[in-house]
Every structure is written in structure tokens, then in C-alpha cells.
Amino acid sequence: MENGLSSPGPSPDARPLLRYFTWAFIVTALGLILGAYLGWQMTGTVGGMLTIFFICLVLAILEISLSFDNAIVNANKLKEMTPVWQRRFLTWGILIAVFGMRIVFPLLIVVIAARIGPWEAVVLAAARPEEYARIMHDAHLPIAAFGGTFLMMVGLSFFFDHEKDVHWVRWLESKMQKYATIRGIEVALVLSLILIFSRFLDPVESEVFFKSAIWGLLTFLLVEVLGGLLDSTQETLVAGAKGGLGAFLYLEVLDASFSFDGVIGAFALTQNLFIIAIGLGIGAMYVRSMTIMLVEKGTLAQYRYLEHGAFYAIIALSVIMFLQSFVQIPEVVTGLGGAALIGVSLWSSIRWNRKTRQADA
């Protein structure tokens, strides 16, 4: 794995496609069995068991559909990291993603929102799931503002890059590259959007939205600064080191931002925290498998516009998270929209490859 991951191009001994998903298949089987067992324990009926089984399956599919772009962005960052930090992200990172974001994060929201202790939050999730879900729903506004702002900065930073030389939507991306030399232009654009969206909310919600969005912006800037400091320090300690702890922190915050929408949306299907953790945890394993596959097979290098589609999907997701402050948008719309953008970018990449081969022939 180390040799394959450290190379951005395809490895000569790259594994067959399905081998990348071995652990994902194992976790899927174990998760669905556990979900069926919980269904039987909760209802004592075959129908109830099958219902919980189906909910876990739907949650896993929801998470996968929402996370295509997450896997592509992870792969984009991973190919720049040292093999040691690649392995750490794919081991520690998946533990943080599954247990931290799918279990600890929802509990932490309830702890802060309801001002109760962590154990009380666990008891609330187990004994009073309706109240737990209500608190999570009420916390959706600040979460959407924070996560939407962070993701918007991630997406815009990809396009506002004066060194970017590959353009998919040329008329737009060439202009963004041109104006990238203006310091802080993406920050000014995001702040403008925050002000516009906050004006459409009532005074109380507007204040919550604005403060949470500012924290999302500050988090992005602090992670960028901290990442630069940590990685530059590593470069002085280890010659040639690149993409260490700073890149790891960046990817963890990015994964958290992607997870916000899925965690909140999961409560529309079930109010049981443990069923949500099973379903979304299964989905997170597929994201990890897709990330490894993209890096080892050099897919991002083979399909030149795939990253563009992912970052457009990120920007679209951030706008949807902002819009959810006013109107409920089904997660299936978000997932299908992101998958469509990535699909079109893949199709464009294949067409470009075909034209290039014909021109060289």
C-alpha cells in the first residue's frame, strides 16, 4: 500500500478493482447483520428487523452518494502526502470519521445545545430519541452555516489559483485564475454571500447564521495557517517531507464538513443514533476504499477534469447548505447533483483523452 499510495500514477502491480473494496464489503456485512440484530431487539418482529436492515442500507447509500466528491478531494490531497501520513490518514482518519463524526459529533452537538453532560446525552439518545432528534434538528442552522462556509472556501480556493493551468469550464475558470492574484478575493466573495444570506433570515436566526459562518471561515483560515506552519516545520526536520500533520488536519476538518449534511439528514430516516452510526459508518468505509483506489490507480491523472467536477460539487453543496437555512432540500437531491457534476466531468475527461489519442495517431 505504501508504494502505491506514494505515487500519483498507476502502480504496475495495482490491485483488481474489487480488491480495493474488500474491507468495505466486510464492514457492510457486519454492519447490516448488527442492524438486523438491533431491529430484532427493538421490535421482536421479522418486519421490524427488516425495516432497520433496510434503513441501514439506505443510510449507507446516502453517505456514498454524498461522498463521491469527498473521496476525490481526499485523493487529491493524499497524493501530495508522505507515505507515513498517507497510512495514518487511512487508519486513524477512518476511525475519526466513523466514530468521531458519526457518533461523538452528534452527541457533542446535543451536549452543547442542551447544556447537558456527555453521559446524559447518551442516555437521551437511547431512551428519548424523539427529543434527541429535535435538538439535532434545531442545531441544523449553525451547522449548515459553519459547514457551508468551510466547504465554499475549499471549493473556491481550488479555482482561485494563479498556478492552475487546466480548465474545464474555460470561460469561467480562466477568469478566476486571472483574479486569483488579488489577495483574499475568495474570502471577500464568501463574506459577501454570508451577508446576503443572513439578510433573508429573521434577526435571531440571522445572528446565529452569521456567527457560525464566520467561525467556519476562521476555521478554514486557521487550518490553512496551522497546516503551513506544521508542514514547513517538518520540512526543516525531515528533508523532503511534504503534506504531514497539517494536511492530515485539513483532511479531517474537510471530512467533518462533508459529514454535517449526512448526519443531520439521517435523522429524517431514523432517530436512533446507533442505527445512524451503522449506516453512515458503512458509507464511510466505501469513501476510504474509493480514496485508495483513486490514488493507487492514478485516476486523477488519467481523467483531467475529474477534480474540477468534485470541486464544483463542493461549491454546489455549500450553496445548498446555505439554502437549507430557508427551505428543506432532500439529501437525495444533494447526492444526485454532486454525482451528476462528477459524472459530466468524467465524461468530458474521456472525450478529451479520446481526442488527444486521435490527434497523436
Protein backbone atom coordinates (compact mmCIF):
# COMPACT_ATOMS: atom_id res chain seq x y z
CA MET A 1 0.00 0.00 0.00
CA GLU A 2 2.83 2.37 0.86
CA ASN A 3 4.45 2.27 -2.58
CA GLY A 4 1.15 2.53 -4.38
CA LEU A 5 -0.15 5.43 -2.32
CA SER A 6 3.02 7.44 -2.54
CA SER A 7 2.82 7.51 -6.32
CA PRO A 8 0.29 9.67 -8.15
CA GLY A 9 0.41 7.42 -11.20
CA PRO A 10 -0.91 3.91 -11.68
CA SER A 11 1.08 1.19 -9.95
CA PRO A 12 2.26 -1.71 -12.12
CA ASP A 13 1.00 -4.19 -9.51
CA ALA A 14 -2.21 -2.29 -8.77
CA ARG A 15 -4.92 -4.46 -7.27
CA PRO A 16 -8.03 -5.53 -9.18
CA LEU A 17 -10.88 -3.07 -8.78
CA LEU A 18 -12.99 -5.12 -6.37
CA ARG A 19 -9.99 -5.81 -4.10
CA TYR A 20 -9.99 -2.16 -3.06
CA PHE A 21 -13.42 -2.67 -1.51
CA THR A 22 -12.65 -5.84 0.48
CA TRP A 23 -12.81 -4.16 3.88
CA ALA A 24 -15.82 -2.10 2.82
CA PHE A 25 -17.68 -5.32 1.91
CA ILE A 26 -16.72 -6.91 5.25
CA VAL A 27 -17.87 -3.86 7.23
CA THR A 28 -21.09 -3.77 5.16
CA ALA A 29 -21.89 -7.38 6.04
CA LEU A 30 -21.10 -6.92 9.74
CA GLY A 31 -22.98 -3.61 9.88
CA LEU A 32 -26.11 -4.97 8.23
CA ILE A 33 -26.08 -8.04 10.50
CA LEU A 34 -25.74 -5.75 13.53
CA GLY A 35 -28.54 -3.53 12.20
CA ALA A 36 -30.81 -6.55 11.77
CA TYR A 37 -29.95 -7.70 15.31
CA LEU A 38 -30.82 -4.25 16.71
CA GLY A 39 -34.08 -4.34 14.76
CA TRP A 40 -34.97 -7.69 16.30
CA GLN A 41 -34.03 -6.49 19.80
CA MET A 42 -36.05 -3.28 19.39
CA THR A 43 -39.20 -4.75 17.83
CA GLY A 44 -39.10 -8.52 18.31
CA THR A 45 -40.61 -8.99 14.84
CA VAL A 46 -39.22 -10.03 11.46
CA GLY A 47 -40.84 -6.96 9.88
CA GLY A 48 -39.13 -4.63 12.36
CA MET A 49 -35.81 -6.39 11.81
CA LEU A 50 -36.10 -5.98 8.03
CA THR A 51 -37.09 -2.32 8.42
CA ILE A 52 -33.95 -1.49 10.43
CA PHE A 53 -31.87 -3.55 7.99
CA PHE A 54 -33.29 -1.51 5.10
CA ILE A 55 -32.70 1.82 6.91
CA CYS A 56 -29.04 0.92 7.48
CA LEU A 57 -28.71 0.08 3.79
CA VAL A 58 -30.34 3.34 2.68
CA LEU A 59 -28.15 5.38 5.04
CA ALA A 60 -25.03 3.72 3.62
CA ILE A 61 -26.14 4.53 0.05
CA LEU A 62 -26.94 8.11 1.12
CA GLU A 63 -23.48 8.53 2.60
CA ILE A 64 -21.78 7.10 -0.50
CA SER A 65 -23.78 9.34 -2.85
CA LEU A 66 -22.90 12.42 -0.79
CA SER A 67 -19.21 11.49 -0.58
CA PHE A 68 -18.02 10.93 -4.17
CA ASP A 69 -16.54 14.41 -4.14
CA ASN A 70 -15.07 13.82 -0.68
CA ALA A 71 -13.12 10.80 -1.95
CA ILE A 72 -11.78 12.74 -4.94
CA VAL A 73 -10.64 15.68 -2.80
CA ASN A 74 -9.07 13.29 -0.29
CA ALA A 75 -7.16 11.60 -3.12
CA ASN A 76 -6.04 14.98 -4.46
CA LYS A 77 -4.53 15.85 -1.07
CA LEU A 78 -3.22 12.36 -0.28
CA LYS A 79 -1.06 12.15 -3.40
CA GLU A 80 0.97 15.07 -2.00
CA MET A 81 1.44 13.48 1.45
CA THR A 82 4.31 11.33 2.63
CA PRO A 83 3.64 7.56 2.75
CA VAL A 84 3.69 7.64 6.57
CA TRP A 85 0.95 10.27 6.77
CA GLN A 86 -1.00 8.56 3.98
CA ARG A 87 -1.17 5.42 6.13
CA ARG A 88 -2.05 7.43 9.22
CA PHE A 89 -4.93 9.16 7.47
CA LEU A 90 -6.27 5.88 6.07
CA THR A 91 -6.13 4.22 9.53
CA TRP A 92 -6.57 6.89 12.21
CA GLY A 93 -8.55 9.04 9.81
CA ILE A 94 -11.21 6.38 9.18
CA LEU A 95 -11.56 5.79 12.93
CA ILE A 96 -12.12 9.51 13.45
CA ALA A 97 -14.55 9.61 10.51
CA VAL A 98 -16.63 6.63 11.66
CA PHE A 99 -16.58 7.03 15.43
CA GLY A 100 -15.83 10.72 15.76
CA MET A 101 -18.15 12.22 13.17
CA ARG A 102 -20.91 9.58 13.20
CA ILE A 103 -21.14 9.02 16.98
CA VAL A 104 -19.20 11.61 19.01
CA PHE A 105 -20.13 14.60 16.86
CA PRO A 106 -23.94 14.20 17.15
CA LEU A 107 -23.54 13.63 20.90
CA LEU A 108 -21.36 16.74 21.19
CA ILE A 109 -23.99 18.84 19.42
CA VAL A 110 -26.62 17.72 21.95
CA VAL A 111 -24.21 18.32 24.85
CA ILE A 112 -23.65 21.91 23.72
CA ALA A 113 -27.20 22.68 22.57
CA ALA A 114 -28.99 21.15 25.57
CA ARG A 115 -26.21 22.04 28.05
CA ILE A 116 -26.07 18.55 29.49
CA GLY A 117 -23.24 16.15 30.22
CA PRO A 118 -21.93 13.58 27.70
CA TRP A 119 -23.45 10.64 29.60
CA GLU A 120 -26.81 12.40 29.79
CA ALA A 121 -26.62 12.86 26.01
CA VAL A 122 -26.03 9.11 25.52
CA VAL A 123 -28.97 8.30 27.80
CA LEU A 124 -31.12 10.81 25.90
CA ALA A 125 -30.19 9.20 22.56
CA ALA A 126 -31.09 5.73 23.86
CA ALA A 127 -34.17 6.49 25.99
CA ARG A 128 -35.70 9.58 24.34
CA PRO A 129 -34.69 9.51 20.65
CA GLU A 130 -37.50 11.94 19.67
CA GLU A 131 -36.11 14.65 21.96
CA TYR A 132 -32.59 13.89 20.78
CA ALA A 133 -33.67 14.27 17.14
CA ARG A 134 -35.46 17.54 17.94
CA ILE A 135 -32.29 19.02 19.44
CA MET A 136 -30.27 17.90 16.42
CA HIS A 137 -32.85 19.45 14.07
CA ASP A 138 -32.78 22.74 15.97
CA ALA A 139 -28.99 22.81 15.66
CA HIS A 140 -29.14 22.50 11.87
CA LEU A 141 -28.88 26.25 11.16
CA PRO A 142 -25.45 26.86 12.79
CA ILE A 143 -24.14 23.54 11.44
CA ALA A 144 -25.22 24.40 7.89
CA ALA A 145 -23.70 27.88 8.14
CA PHE A 146 -20.38 26.58 9.54
CA GLY A 147 -20.04 23.61 7.18
CA GLY A 148 -21.28 25.51 4.13
CA THR A 149 -18.75 28.29 4.67
CA PHE A 150 -15.84 25.90 5.15
CA LEU A 151 -16.72 23.89 2.03
CA MET A 152 -17.24 27.04 -0.03
CA MET A 153 -13.72 28.19 0.86
CA VAL A 154 -12.36 24.74 -0.07
CA GLY A 155 -14.07 24.85 -3.47
CA LEU A 156 -13.19 28.45 -4.33
CA SER A 157 -9.56 28.02 -3.26
CA PHE A 158 -9.17 25.33 -5.93
CA PHE A 159 -10.33 27.66 -8.71
CA PHE A 160 -8.78 30.91 -7.44
CA ASP A 161 -5.25 29.60 -8.01
CA HIS A 162 -2.92 31.58 -10.26
CA GLU A 163 -0.85 28.41 -10.94
CA LYS A 164 -3.85 26.40 -12.16
CA ASP A 165 -3.31 25.59 -15.85
CA VAL A 166 -6.07 23.04 -16.61
CA HIS A 167 -9.55 24.48 -17.13
CA TRP A 168 -12.79 22.56 -17.64
CA VAL A 169 -15.30 25.43 -17.91
CA ARG A 170 -12.71 27.64 -19.59
CA TRP A 171 -14.63 30.94 -19.81
CA LEU A 172 -15.24 30.87 -16.03
CA GLU A 173 -12.11 29.22 -14.68
CA SER A 174 -9.72 31.33 -16.75
CA LYS A 175 -11.25 34.47 -15.23
CA MET A 176 -11.00 33.01 -11.71
CA GLN A 177 -7.35 32.18 -12.32
CA LYS A 178 -6.76 35.71 -13.61
CA TYR A 179 -8.24 37.32 -10.48
CA ALA A 180 -6.53 34.87 -8.13
CA THR A 181 -3.62 37.28 -7.79
CA ILE A 182 -5.91 39.63 -5.86
CA ARG A 183 -5.19 38.75 -2.25
CA GLY A 184 -8.17 37.48 -0.31
CA ILE A 185 -10.64 37.58 -3.20
CA GLU A 186 -12.26 34.25 -2.25
CA VAL A 187 -12.62 35.42 1.37
CA ALA A 188 -14.33 38.62 0.18
CA LEU A 189 -16.67 36.60 -2.05
CA VAL A 190 -17.64 34.22 0.77
CA LEU A 191 -18.19 37.10 3.20
CA SER A 192 -20.45 38.79 0.67
CA LEU A 193 -22.54 35.63 0.31
CA ILE A 194 -22.75 35.27 4.09
CA LEU A 195 -24.08 38.83 4.37
CA ILE A 196 -26.60 38.26 1.56
CA PHE A 197 -27.98 35.03 3.02
CA SER A 198 -28.12 36.39 6.56
CA ARG A 199 -30.33 39.29 5.41
CA PHE A 200 -33.10 36.85 4.44
CA LEU A 201 -33.38 35.41 7.97
CA ASP A 202 -35.15 36.88 10.97
CA PRO A 203 -32.89 38.82 13.40
CA VAL A 204 -32.28 35.93 15.83
CA GLU A 205 -31.56 33.35 13.13
CA SER A 206 -29.52 35.89 11.17
CA GLU A 207 -27.19 36.41 14.13
CA VAL A 208 -26.76 32.64 14.64
CA PHE A 209 -26.13 32.10 10.91
CA PHE A 210 -23.63 34.95 10.68
CA LYS A 211 -21.62 33.94 13.76
CA SER A 212 -21.49 30.27 12.74
CA ALA A 213 -20.46 31.17 9.18
CA ILE A 214 -17.66 33.41 10.49
CA TRP A 215 -16.43 30.54 12.65
CA GLY A 216 -16.45 28.32 9.56
CA LEU A 217 -14.37 30.89 7.69
CA LEU A 218 -11.94 31.29 10.59
CA THR A 219 -11.60 27.53 10.91
CA PHE A 220 -10.61 27.23 7.25
CA LEU A 221 -8.05 30.04 7.56
CA LEU A 222 -6.63 28.66 10.84
CA VAL A 223 -6.30 25.15 9.40
CA GLU A 224 -4.52 26.59 6.35
CA VAL A 225 -2.13 28.62 8.53
CA LEU A 226 -1.56 25.80 11.02
CA GLY A 227 -1.07 23.30 8.21
CA GLY A 228 1.53 25.52 6.57
CA LEU A 229 3.39 26.01 9.85
CA LEU A 230 3.35 22.33 10.77
CA ASP A 231 4.40 21.12 7.34
CA SER A 232 7.13 23.76 6.98
CA THR A 233 8.45 22.70 10.37
CA GLN A 234 8.51 19.09 9.20
CA GLU A 235 10.40 20.11 6.07
CA THR A 236 13.18 21.54 8.23
CA LEU A 237 13.30 18.40 10.37
CA VAL A 238 12.98 15.82 7.60
CA ALA A 239 14.39 16.63 4.19
CA GLY A 240 11.77 16.48 1.50
CA ALA A 241 8.88 15.91 3.91
CA LYS A 242 5.62 17.22 2.49
CA GLY A 243 2.00 17.04 3.45
CA GLY A 244 2.30 15.81 7.03
CA LEU A 245 0.31 16.73 10.11
CA GLY A 246 -1.02 19.93 8.55
CA ALA A 247 -2.51 18.09 5.58
CA PHE A 248 -3.91 15.45 7.96
CA LEU A 249 -5.73 18.13 10.00
CA TYR A 250 -7.03 19.74 6.81
CA LEU A 251 -8.49 16.44 5.59
CA GLU A 252 -10.11 15.71 8.97
CA VAL A 253 -11.86 19.09 9.09
CA LEU A 254 -12.87 18.63 5.45
CA ASP A 255 -14.36 15.22 6.21
CA ALA A 256 -16.22 16.72 9.16
CA SER A 257 -17.72 19.41 6.93
CA PHE A 258 -18.85 16.79 4.41
CA SER A 259 -20.38 14.76 7.22
CA PHE A 260 -22.62 17.54 8.60
CA ASP A 261 -25.27 17.18 5.92
CA GLY A 262 -25.38 13.40 6.04
CA VAL A 263 -25.61 13.22 9.84
CA ILE A 264 -28.44 15.76 10.01
CA GLY A 265 -30.25 14.23 7.04
CA ALA A 266 -30.06 10.75 8.56
CA PHE A 267 -32.49 11.81 11.29
CA ALA A 268 -35.19 12.04 8.62
CA LEU A 269 -34.98 8.24 8.31
CA THR A 270 -34.42 7.23 11.93
CA GLN A 271 -33.97 8.89 15.29
CA ASN A 272 -31.77 6.10 16.64
CA LEU A 273 -28.17 7.30 16.94
CA PHE A 274 -26.76 3.77 16.82
CA ILE A 275 -28.56 2.86 13.59
CA ILE A 276 -27.33 6.12 12.07
CA ALA A 277 -23.76 5.28 13.13
CA ILE A 278 -24.01 1.83 11.49
CA GLY A 279 -25.40 3.14 8.19
CA LEU A 280 -23.10 6.14 7.82
CA GLY A 281 -20.12 4.13 9.07
CA ILE A 282 -20.63 1.62 6.24
CA GLY A 283 -20.69 4.53 3.77
CA ALA A 284 -17.50 6.00 5.26
CA MET A 285 -15.65 2.74 4.57
CA TYR A 286 -16.53 3.00 0.87
CA VAL A 287 -15.20 6.56 0.82
CA ARG A 288 -11.90 5.26 2.23
CA SER A 289 -11.81 2.47 -0.38
CA MET A 290 -12.55 4.89 -3.23
CA THR A 291 -9.81 7.22 -1.96
CA ILE A 292 -7.19 4.45 -2.01
CA MET A 293 -8.32 3.33 -5.47
CA LEU A 294 -8.13 6.86 -6.90
CA VAL A 295 -4.59 7.37 -5.60
CA GLU A 296 -3.14 3.95 -6.45
CA LYS A 297 -4.65 3.79 -9.94
CA GLY A 298 -3.71 7.39 -10.71
CA THR A 299 -7.30 8.12 -11.72
CA LEU A 300 -6.97 11.86 -11.14
CA ALA A 301 -4.06 11.98 -13.56
CA GLN A 302 -5.90 9.86 -16.15
CA TYR A 303 -9.08 11.96 -16.08
CA ARG A 304 -8.02 15.61 -16.10
CA TYR A 305 -11.41 17.17 -15.31
CA LEU A 306 -12.47 14.80 -12.51
CA GLU A 307 -11.10 17.08 -9.78
CA HIS A 308 -12.92 20.03 -11.34
CA GLY A 309 -16.22 18.19 -11.15
CA ALA A 310 -15.59 17.33 -7.49
CA PHE A 311 -14.81 20.93 -6.53
CA TYR A 312 -17.85 22.23 -8.43
CA ALA A 313 -19.88 19.68 -6.46
CA ILE A 314 -18.36 21.00 -3.23
CA ILE A 315 -19.35 24.56 -4.10
CA ALA A 316 -22.86 23.35 -5.02
CA LEU A 317 -23.10 21.51 -1.69
CA SER A 318 -22.02 24.63 0.22
CA VAL A 319 -24.71 26.71 -1.51
CA ILE A 320 -27.31 24.02 -0.75
CA MET A 321 -26.28 24.07 2.92
CA PHE A 322 -26.82 27.84 2.94
CA LEU A 323 -30.21 27.43 1.22
CA GLN A 324 -31.25 24.88 3.83
CA SER A 325 -31.41 27.79 6.25
CA PHE A 326 -34.67 28.74 4.48
CA VAL A 327 -36.02 25.59 2.84
CA GLN A 328 -35.66 21.86 3.34
CA ILE A 329 -33.74 20.25 0.48
CA PRO A 330 -33.75 16.41 0.40
CA GLU A 331 -30.33 14.79 0.72
CA VAL A 332 -31.08 12.72 -2.38
CA VAL A 333 -31.07 15.96 -4.40
CA THR A 334 -27.69 16.89 -2.94
CA GLY A 335 -26.24 13.44 -3.62
CA LEU A 336 -27.57 13.16 -7.16
CA GLY A 337 -26.48 16.71 -8.00
CA GLY A 338 -22.92 16.08 -6.87
CA ALA A 339 -22.78 12.71 -8.63
CA ALA A 340 -24.09 14.33 -11.83
CA LEU A 341 -21.37 17.00 -11.82
CA ILE A 342 -18.69 14.38 -11.26
CA GLY A 343 -20.21 12.18 -13.97
CA VAL A 344 -20.19 15.02 -16.51
CA SER A 345 -16.57 15.87 -15.63
CA LEU A 346 -15.61 12.20 -16.11
CA TRP A 347 -17.38 12.12 -19.49
CA SER A 348 -15.56 15.33 -20.52
CA SER A 349 -12.24 13.79 -19.46
CA ILE A 350 -12.89 10.67 -21.52
CA ARG A 351 -13.76 12.81 -24.56
CA TRP A 352 -10.55 14.84 -24.10
CA ASN A 353 -8.47 11.65 -23.83
CA ARG A 354 -10.08 10.27 -26.99
CA LYS A 355 -9.42 13.47 -28.96
CA THR A 356 -5.82 13.58 -27.72
CA ARG A 357 -5.18 9.99 -28.82
CA GLN A 358 -6.70 10.69 -32.25
CA ALA A 359 -4.54 13.80 -32.66
CA ASP A 360 -1.39 11.86 -31.72
CA ALA A 361 -2.21 8.96 -34.04
